[in-house]
Amino acid sequence: MTAQIEETIFVDGIPVALLTNPLDAFLERFPDGPRFESTSTALWRGYIGKWELTNSRLYLIELSGLLTTGSEASLETIFPGYPDRVFAHWYTGTLRIPKGRQIKYVHMGYGSEFEIDHFIRIERGEAVTSWVRENGTAPDGAPDYYGPAAMLVPPKPLR
């Protein structure tokens, strides 16, 4: 699997990369629900979400992608009546936010290593704890992390 395009999360109003897909937990609850078309080998899930952590609550604030029906996905198409943001009450898990320079590139999923990982434990949409793991120092000349959604996504599925 190719390294995947990350989600974006706003923490304290600052956009940072998110190497977790909280929306997947919602989509798994509805086997007959909306399905996304993969538009790139770097985007197997078929969508990109933007998230916000505010007052210890996780919200999905933007969604883009292509549905298998051929129509464009948005927050409103997946969550009718919620065009601006949706509280992620369905999500329990740990968010991973990379920081610093890249120590090692892994051409699979979110496997690359960075100098620091910031983890935030979420239970039913509420942040309950967070911690930081220092992974070491990147070698001289290592790239800074490329930041949220720096990769381009083709608008049509690859065939």
N, C-alpha and C. Protein backbone atom coordinates (compact mmCIF):
# COMPACT_ATOMS: atom_id res chain seq x y z
N MET A 1 0.85 -1.18 0.00
CA MET A 1 0.00 0.00 0.00
C MET A 1 0.89 1.24 0.00
N THR A 2 0.51 2.20 -0.75
CA THR A 2 1.20 3.48 -0.84
C THR A 2 1.00 4.27 0.45
N ALA A 3 1.97 5.11 0.78
CA ALA A 3 1.78 6.05 1.90
C ALA A 3 0.52 6.86 1.60
N GLN A 4 -0.28 7.10 2.62
CA GLN A 4 -1.59 7.71 2.42
C GLN A 4 -1.60 9.20 2.74
N ILE A 5 -2.45 9.92 2.03
CA ILE A 5 -2.66 11.34 2.30
C ILE A 5 -3.35 11.46 3.65
N GLU A 6 -2.85 12.33 4.46
CA GLU A 6 -3.36 12.48 5.82
C GLU A 6 -4.63 13.32 5.88
N GLU A 7 -5.31 13.23 7.01
CA GLU A 7 -6.40 14.13 7.34
C GLU A 7 -5.78 15.40 7.91
N THR A 8 -6.58 16.40 8.21
CA THR A 8 -6.13 17.63 8.86
C THR A 8 -6.97 17.81 10.11
N ILE A 9 -6.33 18.26 11.19
CA ILE A 9 -7.05 18.58 12.41
C ILE A 9 -6.57 19.94 12.91
N PHE A 10 -7.51 20.75 13.36
CA PHE A 10 -7.19 22.04 13.97
C PHE A 10 -7.12 21.82 15.47
N VAL A 11 -5.94 22.05 16.03
CA VAL A 11 -5.74 21.95 17.47
C VAL A 11 -5.33 23.33 17.94
N ASP A 12 -6.10 23.91 18.85
CA ASP A 12 -5.86 25.29 19.28
C ASP A 12 -5.86 26.24 18.09
N GLY A 13 -6.70 25.96 17.11
CA GLY A 13 -6.85 26.82 15.95
C GLY A 13 -5.77 26.65 14.90
N ILE A 14 -4.81 25.77 15.12
CA ILE A 14 -3.69 25.57 14.19
C ILE A 14 -3.89 24.26 13.43
N PRO A 15 -3.85 24.31 12.08
CA PRO A 15 -4.01 23.07 11.32
C PRO A 15 -2.74 22.23 11.36
N VAL A 16 -2.90 20.97 11.70
CA VAL A 16 -1.79 20.02 11.71
C VAL A 16 -2.24 18.72 11.06
N ALA A 17 -1.28 17.91 10.68
CA ALA A 17 -1.60 16.63 10.04
C ALA A 17 -2.15 15.66 11.06
N LEU A 18 -3.09 14.83 10.62
CA LEU A 18 -3.69 13.80 11.45
C LEU A 18 -3.50 12.46 10.75
N LEU A 19 -2.80 11.55 11.39
CA LEU A 19 -2.55 10.23 10.81
C LEU A 19 -3.48 9.20 11.43
N THR A 20 -4.75 9.52 11.39
CA THR A 20 -5.83 8.67 11.90
C THR A 20 -7.06 8.99 11.06
N ASN A 21 -7.96 8.03 10.89
CA ASN A 21 -9.18 8.25 10.10
C ASN A 21 -10.42 8.01 10.96
N PRO A 22 -10.81 8.97 11.79
CA PRO A 22 -11.96 8.76 12.68
C PRO A 22 -13.27 8.50 11.95
N LEU A 23 -13.41 8.99 10.72
CA LEU A 23 -14.67 8.78 10.00
C LEU A 23 -14.89 7.30 9.66
N ASP A 24 -13.82 6.54 9.53
CA ASP A 24 -13.97 5.12 9.20
C ASP A 24 -14.85 4.39 10.22
N ALA A 25 -14.73 4.75 11.50
CA ALA A 25 -15.54 4.11 12.55
C ALA A 25 -17.02 4.38 12.32
N PHE A 26 -17.36 5.55 11.81
CA PHE A 26 -18.75 5.88 11.50
C PHE A 26 -19.23 5.07 10.29
N LEU A 27 -18.43 5.05 9.24
CA LEU A 27 -18.82 4.36 8.00
C LEU A 27 -18.99 2.86 8.21
N GLU A 28 -18.21 2.27 9.11
CA GLU A 28 -18.32 0.84 9.39
C GLU A 28 -19.66 0.48 10.03
N ARG A 29 -20.31 1.43 10.66
CA ARG A 29 -21.61 1.18 11.30
C ARG A 29 -22.74 1.00 10.29
N PHE A 30 -22.51 1.44 9.06
CA PHE A 30 -23.56 1.44 8.05
C PHE A 30 -23.09 0.70 6.80
N PRO A 31 -23.18 -0.63 6.82
CA PRO A 31 -22.68 -1.40 5.67
C PRO A 31 -23.38 -1.05 4.36
N ASP A 32 -24.60 -0.55 4.42
CA ASP A 32 -25.31 -0.16 3.21
C ASP A 32 -25.28 1.34 2.99
N GLY A 33 -24.47 2.04 3.78
CA GLY A 33 -24.39 3.50 3.72
C GLY A 33 -23.48 3.98 2.60
N PRO A 34 -23.12 5.24 2.66
CA PRO A 34 -22.30 5.81 1.59
C PRO A 34 -20.94 5.13 1.48
N ARG A 35 -20.50 4.97 0.24
CA ARG A 35 -19.19 4.38 -0.04
C ARG A 35 -18.41 5.36 -0.90
N PHE A 36 -17.12 5.44 -0.62
CA PHE A 36 -16.25 6.36 -1.34
C PHE A 36 -15.45 5.62 -2.40
N GLU A 37 -15.20 6.32 -3.50
CA GLU A 37 -14.39 5.81 -4.60
C GLU A 37 -12.95 6.25 -4.36
N SER A 38 -12.03 5.33 -4.45
CA SER A 38 -10.62 5.68 -4.33
C SER A 38 -10.21 6.45 -5.58
N THR A 39 -9.62 7.62 -5.40
CA THR A 39 -9.21 8.46 -6.53
C THR A 39 -7.72 8.42 -6.77
N SER A 40 -7.00 7.70 -5.91
CA SER A 40 -5.55 7.66 -6.01
C SER A 40 -5.03 6.51 -5.15
N THR A 41 -3.88 5.97 -5.51
CA THR A 41 -3.29 4.95 -4.65
C THR A 41 -2.84 5.55 -3.32
N ALA A 42 -2.74 6.86 -3.25
CA ALA A 42 -2.38 7.54 -2.00
C ALA A 42 -3.62 7.92 -1.19
N LEU A 43 -4.80 7.48 -1.68
CA LEU A 43 -6.05 7.81 -0.98
C LEU A 43 -7.03 6.64 -1.11
N TRP A 44 -6.64 5.50 -0.57
CA TRP A 44 -7.48 4.31 -0.67
C TRP A 44 -8.85 4.52 -0.03
N ARG A 45 -8.94 5.33 1.03
CA ARG A 45 -10.23 5.52 1.70
C ARG A 45 -11.19 6.35 0.85
N GLY A 46 -10.67 7.13 -0.09
CA GLY A 46 -11.52 7.87 -1.02
C GLY A 46 -12.01 9.22 -0.55
N TYR A 47 -11.61 9.66 0.60
CA TYR A 47 -12.06 10.96 1.11
C TYR A 47 -10.96 11.61 1.93
N ILE A 48 -11.12 12.91 2.13
CA ILE A 48 -10.25 13.66 3.04
C ILE A 48 -11.14 14.44 3.98
N GLY A 49 -10.90 14.28 5.26
CA GLY A 49 -11.66 15.00 6.27
C GLY A 49 -10.82 16.07 6.94
N LYS A 50 -11.49 17.11 7.37
CA LYS A 50 -10.87 18.13 8.22
C LYS A 50 -11.60 18.08 9.55
N TRP A 51 -10.83 18.11 10.61
CA TRP A 51 -11.33 17.94 11.96
C TRP A 51 -10.96 19.13 12.82
N GLU A 52 -11.67 19.26 13.92
CA GLU A 52 -11.38 20.32 14.88
C GLU A 52 -11.51 19.72 16.28
N LEU A 53 -10.53 20.00 17.12
CA LEU A 53 -10.60 19.62 18.52
C LEU A 53 -10.78 20.92 19.29
N THR A 54 -11.97 21.09 19.85
CA THR A 54 -12.28 22.32 20.57
C THR A 54 -13.04 21.97 21.83
N ASN A 55 -12.65 22.60 22.94
CA ASN A 55 -13.25 22.31 24.24
C ASN A 55 -13.28 20.81 24.51
N SER A 56 -12.19 20.14 24.14
CA SER A 56 -12.01 18.70 24.34
C SER A 56 -13.01 17.84 23.55
N ARG A 57 -13.62 18.40 22.53
CA ARG A 57 -14.57 17.66 21.70
C ARG A 57 -14.08 17.61 20.27
N LEU A 58 -14.22 16.44 19.65
CA LEU A 58 -13.78 16.23 18.28
C LEU A 58 -14.95 16.44 17.32
N TYR A 59 -14.72 17.30 16.33
CA TYR A 59 -15.73 17.61 15.32
C TYR A 59 -15.17 17.38 13.92
N LEU A 60 -15.98 16.82 13.04
CA LEU A 60 -15.68 16.78 11.62
C LEU A 60 -16.22 18.08 11.04
N ILE A 61 -15.36 18.89 10.41
CA ILE A 61 -15.79 20.21 9.95
C ILE A 61 -15.81 20.35 8.43
N GLU A 62 -15.22 19.39 7.74
CA GLU A 62 -15.23 19.44 6.27
C GLU A 62 -14.95 18.05 5.75
N LEU A 63 -15.53 17.73 4.61
CA LEU A 63 -15.34 16.42 4.01
C LEU A 63 -15.38 16.56 2.50
N SER A 64 -14.43 15.95 1.83
CA SER A 64 -14.44 15.95 0.37
C SER A 64 -14.06 14.57 -0.12
N GLY A 65 -14.60 14.21 -1.24
CA GLY A 65 -14.32 12.92 -1.85
C GLY A 65 -15.35 12.63 -2.91
N LEU A 66 -15.18 11.49 -3.54
CA LEU A 66 -16.10 11.07 -4.59
C LEU A 66 -16.79 9.79 -4.14
N LEU A 67 -18.12 9.81 -4.17
CA LEU A 67 -18.89 8.62 -3.80
C LEU A 67 -18.92 7.63 -4.96
N THR A 68 -19.14 6.37 -4.66
CA THR A 68 -19.21 5.36 -5.71
C THR A 68 -20.37 5.60 -6.67
N THR A 69 -21.33 6.43 -6.27
CA THR A 69 -22.44 6.80 -7.15
C THR A 69 -22.01 7.81 -8.20
N GLY A 70 -20.79 8.38 -8.04
CA GLY A 70 -20.30 9.38 -8.97
C GLY A 70 -20.50 10.80 -8.49
N SER A 71 -21.25 11.00 -7.42
CA SER A 71 -21.47 12.36 -6.91
C SER A 71 -20.39 12.74 -5.91
N GLU A 72 -20.18 14.05 -5.81
CA GLU A 72 -19.21 14.58 -4.86
C GLU A 72 -19.75 14.47 -3.44
N ALA A 73 -18.90 14.08 -2.53
CA ALA A 73 -19.28 13.98 -1.12
C ALA A 73 -18.97 15.29 -0.41
N SER A 74 -19.77 15.57 0.60
CA SER A 74 -19.54 16.73 1.47
C SER A 74 -20.09 16.36 2.84
N LEU A 75 -19.91 17.25 3.77
CA LEU A 75 -20.47 17.02 5.09
C LEU A 75 -21.99 16.83 5.01
N GLU A 76 -22.63 17.67 4.22
CA GLU A 76 -24.09 17.63 4.09
C GLU A 76 -24.58 16.33 3.44
N THR A 77 -23.83 15.78 2.48
CA THR A 77 -24.30 14.55 1.83
C THR A 77 -24.18 13.34 2.75
N ILE A 78 -23.22 13.34 3.65
CA ILE A 78 -23.03 12.21 4.56
C ILE A 78 -23.82 12.42 5.85
N PHE A 79 -23.94 13.68 6.29
CA PHE A 79 -24.67 14.02 7.52
C PHE A 79 -25.72 15.08 7.20
N PRO A 80 -26.84 14.68 6.58
CA PRO A 80 -27.88 15.65 6.23
C PRO A 80 -28.31 16.48 7.44
N GLY A 81 -28.42 17.78 7.21
CA GLY A 81 -28.81 18.69 8.28
C GLY A 81 -27.63 19.24 9.08
N TYR A 82 -26.42 18.78 8.75
CA TYR A 82 -25.21 19.25 9.44
C TYR A 82 -24.18 19.72 8.42
N PRO A 83 -24.40 20.87 7.81
CA PRO A 83 -23.48 21.32 6.75
C PRO A 83 -22.18 21.93 7.26
N ASP A 84 -22.12 22.29 8.54
CA ASP A 84 -20.95 23.01 9.04
C ASP A 84 -20.00 22.18 9.89
N ARG A 85 -20.55 21.32 10.74
CA ARG A 85 -19.71 20.46 11.57
C ARG A 85 -20.57 19.41 12.25
N VAL A 86 -19.90 18.28 12.57
CA VAL A 86 -20.59 17.16 13.19
C VAL A 86 -19.74 16.70 14.37
N PHE A 87 -20.35 16.58 15.53
CA PHE A 87 -19.67 16.05 16.71
C PHE A 87 -19.40 14.56 16.48
N ALA A 88 -18.16 14.13 16.65
CA ALA A 88 -17.76 12.76 16.35
C ALA A 88 -18.03 11.82 17.52
N HIS A 89 -19.28 11.73 17.94
CA HIS A 89 -19.68 10.89 19.08
C HIS A 89 -19.42 9.41 18.83
N TRP A 90 -19.30 9.01 17.58
CA TRP A 90 -19.09 7.60 17.22
C TRP A 90 -17.64 7.16 17.43
N TYR A 91 -16.73 8.12 17.59
CA TYR A 91 -15.31 7.75 17.57
C TYR A 91 -14.73 7.55 18.96
N THR A 92 -14.16 6.38 19.16
CA THR A 92 -13.34 6.07 20.33
C THR A 92 -12.04 5.49 19.78
N GLY A 93 -10.94 6.11 20.12
CA GLY A 93 -9.64 5.66 19.63
C GLY A 93 -8.59 6.70 19.95
N THR A 94 -7.44 6.55 19.33
CA THR A 94 -6.32 7.44 19.59
C THR A 94 -5.92 8.16 18.31
N LEU A 95 -5.88 9.48 18.38
CA LEU A 95 -5.45 10.30 17.26
C LEU A 95 -3.93 10.40 17.28
N ARG A 96 -3.31 10.36 16.12
CA ARG A 96 -1.85 10.52 16.00
C ARG A 96 -1.54 11.75 15.18
N ILE A 97 -0.79 12.67 15.78
CA ILE A 97 -0.39 13.92 15.13
C ILE A 97 1.14 13.94 15.08
N PRO A 98 1.73 13.83 13.88
CA PRO A 98 3.19 13.84 13.77
C PRO A 98 3.74 15.26 13.85
N LYS A 99 4.94 15.37 14.41
CA LYS A 99 5.59 16.68 14.51
C LYS A 99 7.07 16.50 14.24
N GLY A 100 7.71 17.56 13.77
CA GLY A 100 9.14 17.52 13.52
C GLY A 100 9.48 16.95 12.15
N ARG A 101 10.74 16.63 12.00
CA ARG A 101 11.24 16.13 10.72
C ARG A 101 11.01 14.62 10.60
N GLN A 102 11.01 14.17 9.38
CA GLN A 102 10.79 12.75 9.11
C GLN A 102 12.07 11.96 9.39
N ILE A 103 11.95 10.96 10.26
CA ILE A 103 13.09 10.09 10.58
C ILE A 103 13.21 8.99 9.53
N LYS A 104 12.07 8.40 9.18
CA LYS A 104 12.07 7.28 8.23
C LYS A 104 10.78 7.32 7.42
N TYR A 105 10.92 7.21 6.11
CA TYR A 105 9.77 7.13 5.22
C TYR A 105 9.37 5.66 5.07
N VAL A 106 8.09 5.39 5.22
CA VAL A 106 7.55 4.05 5.00
C VAL A 106 6.47 4.17 3.93
N HIS A 107 6.63 3.42 2.87
CA HIS A 107 5.72 3.50 1.72
C HIS A 107 4.48 2.62 1.97
N MET A 108 3.83 2.85 3.10
CA MET A 108 2.65 2.08 3.45
C MET A 108 1.82 2.83 4.49
N GLY A 109 0.57 3.07 4.18
CA GLY A 109 -0.35 3.69 5.14
C GLY A 109 0.23 4.92 5.80
N TYR A 110 0.16 4.93 7.13
CA TYR A 110 0.72 6.03 7.92
C TYR A 110 1.95 5.54 8.69
N GLY A 111 2.75 4.70 8.07
CA GLY A 111 3.86 4.06 8.74
C GLY A 111 5.13 4.89 8.90
N SER A 112 5.23 6.03 8.23
CA SER A 112 6.44 6.83 8.35
C SER A 112 6.65 7.31 9.78
N GLU A 113 7.90 7.50 10.15
CA GLU A 113 8.24 7.94 11.51
C GLU A 113 8.70 9.39 11.49
N PHE A 114 8.32 10.12 12.51
CA PHE A 114 8.69 11.52 12.66
C PHE A 114 9.32 11.71 14.04
N GLU A 115 9.98 12.85 14.22
CA GLU A 115 10.69 13.06 15.47
C GLU A 115 9.78 12.96 16.70
N ILE A 116 8.56 13.42 16.55
CA ILE A 116 7.62 13.43 17.68
C ILE A 116 6.25 12.97 17.21
N ASP A 117 5.58 12.19 18.04
CA ASP A 117 4.17 11.85 17.83
C ASP A 117 3.40 12.38 19.02
N HIS A 118 2.37 13.16 18.74
CA HIS A 118 1.45 13.63 19.77
C HIS A 118 0.20 12.76 19.66
N PHE A 119 -0.17 12.10 20.73
CA PHE A 119 -1.34 11.23 20.75
C PHE A 119 -2.42 11.84 21.61
N ILE A 120 -3.66 11.74 21.15
CA ILE A 120 -4.81 12.22 21.91
C ILE A 120 -5.83 11.08 21.97
N ARG A 121 -6.13 10.63 23.16
CA ARG A 121 -7.12 9.56 23.35
C ARG A 121 -8.51 10.17 23.36
N ILE A 122 -9.37 9.64 22.50
CA ILE A 122 -10.75 10.11 22.37
C ILE A 122 -11.69 8.99 22.80
N GLU A 123 -12.68 9.31 23.61
CA GLU A 123 -13.72 8.35 23.97
C GLU A 123 -15.08 9.00 23.69
N ARG A 124 -15.82 8.35 22.76
CA ARG A 124 -17.12 8.84 22.32
C ARG A 124 -17.07 10.33 21.97
N GLY A 125 -16.03 10.71 21.24
CA GLY A 125 -15.89 12.08 20.75
C GLY A 125 -15.25 13.06 21.70
N GLU A 126 -14.95 12.64 22.92
CA GLU A 126 -14.38 13.54 23.94
C GLU A 126 -12.91 13.18 24.17
N ALA A 127 -12.04 14.19 24.17
CA ALA A 127 -10.62 13.97 24.48
C ALA A 127 -10.50 13.71 25.98
N VAL A 128 -9.85 12.60 26.32
CA VAL A 128 -9.73 12.23 27.73
C VAL A 128 -8.30 12.31 28.24
N THR A 129 -7.33 12.17 27.35
CA THR A 129 -5.93 12.29 27.75
C THR A 129 -5.08 12.50 26.51
N SER A 130 -3.86 12.97 26.72
CA SER A 130 -2.93 13.10 25.60
C SER A 130 -1.51 12.89 26.11
N TRP A 131 -0.65 12.50 25.21
CA TRP A 131 0.75 12.30 25.57
C TRP A 131 1.61 12.47 24.33
N VAL A 132 2.90 12.63 24.57
CA VAL A 132 3.86 12.84 23.49
C VAL A 132 4.91 11.73 23.55
N ARG A 133 5.26 11.22 22.39
CA ARG A 133 6.34 10.24 22.30
C ARG A 133 7.43 10.82 21.42
N GLU A 134 8.64 10.87 21.96
CA GLU A 134 9.79 11.33 21.18
C GLU A 134 10.42 10.10 20.53
N ASN A 135 10.57 10.16 19.22
CA ASN A 135 11.03 9.01 18.45
C ASN A 135 12.50 9.09 18.06
N GLY A 136 13.17 10.16 18.41
CA GLY A 136 14.57 10.32 18.05
C GLY A 136 14.77 11.55 17.19
N THR A 137 15.97 11.68 16.70
CA THR A 137 16.34 12.85 15.90
C THR A 137 16.52 12.41 14.46
N ALA A 138 15.96 13.19 13.57
CA ALA A 138 16.09 12.89 12.15
C ALA A 138 17.52 13.16 11.70
N PRO A 139 18.00 12.44 10.70
CA PRO A 139 19.35 12.69 10.19
C PRO A 139 19.44 14.07 9.54
N ASP A 140 20.66 14.58 9.47
CA ASP A 140 20.88 15.88 8.82
C ASP A 140 20.31 15.84 7.41
N GLY A 141 19.64 16.92 7.03
CA GLY A 141 19.07 17.03 5.70
C GLY A 141 17.71 16.38 5.54
N ALA A 142 17.19 15.76 6.62
CA ALA A 142 15.87 15.14 6.54
C ALA A 142 14.82 16.22 6.32
N PRO A 143 13.78 15.91 5.54
CA PRO A 143 12.75 16.92 5.27
C PRO A 143 11.89 17.19 6.49
N ASP A 144 11.42 18.43 6.58
CA ASP A 144 10.39 18.73 7.56
C ASP A 144 9.14 17.99 7.12
N TYR A 145 8.29 17.68 8.07
CA TYR A 145 7.05 17.02 7.69
C TYR A 145 6.31 17.94 6.73
N TYR A 146 5.71 17.38 5.68
CA TYR A 146 5.13 18.19 4.61
C TYR A 146 3.85 18.89 4.97
N GLY A 147 3.30 18.61 6.13
CA GLY A 147 2.13 19.37 6.59
C GLY A 147 0.83 18.84 6.04
N PRO A 148 -0.26 19.39 6.54
CA PRO A 148 -1.58 18.87 6.19
C PRO A 148 -1.89 18.94 4.70
N ALA A 149 -2.36 17.80 4.19
CA ALA A 149 -2.90 17.69 2.83
C ALA A 149 -2.03 18.36 1.77
N ALA A 150 -0.74 18.12 1.81
CA ALA A 150 0.16 18.74 0.85
C ALA A 150 0.13 18.03 -0.50
N MET A 151 -0.36 16.81 -0.51
CA MET A 151 -0.38 16.06 -1.76
C MET A 151 -1.64 16.40 -2.55
N LEU A 152 -1.54 16.34 -3.86
CA LEU A 152 -2.70 16.61 -4.71
C LEU A 152 -3.53 15.35 -4.89
N VAL A 153 -4.81 15.51 -5.00
CA VAL A 153 -5.72 14.38 -5.19
C VAL A 153 -6.40 14.55 -6.53
N PRO A 154 -6.26 13.58 -7.42
CA PRO A 154 -6.97 13.68 -8.71
C PRO A 154 -8.47 13.70 -8.46
N PRO A 155 -9.22 14.51 -9.21
CA PRO A 155 -10.66 14.60 -8.98
C PRO A 155 -11.44 13.40 -9.47
N LYS A 156 -10.90 12.60 -10.35
CA LYS A 156 -11.60 11.43 -10.90
C LYS A 156 -10.88 10.17 -10.45
N PRO A 157 -11.62 9.06 -10.34
CA PRO A 157 -10.98 7.80 -9.97
C PRO A 157 -9.96 7.34 -11.00
N LEU A 158 -8.92 6.71 -10.53
CA LEU A 158 -7.93 6.12 -11.42
C LEU A 158 -8.46 4.78 -11.91
N ARG A 159 -8.29 4.47 -13.14
CA ARG A 159 -8.77 3.21 -13.70
C ARG A 159 -7.64 2.48 -14.40
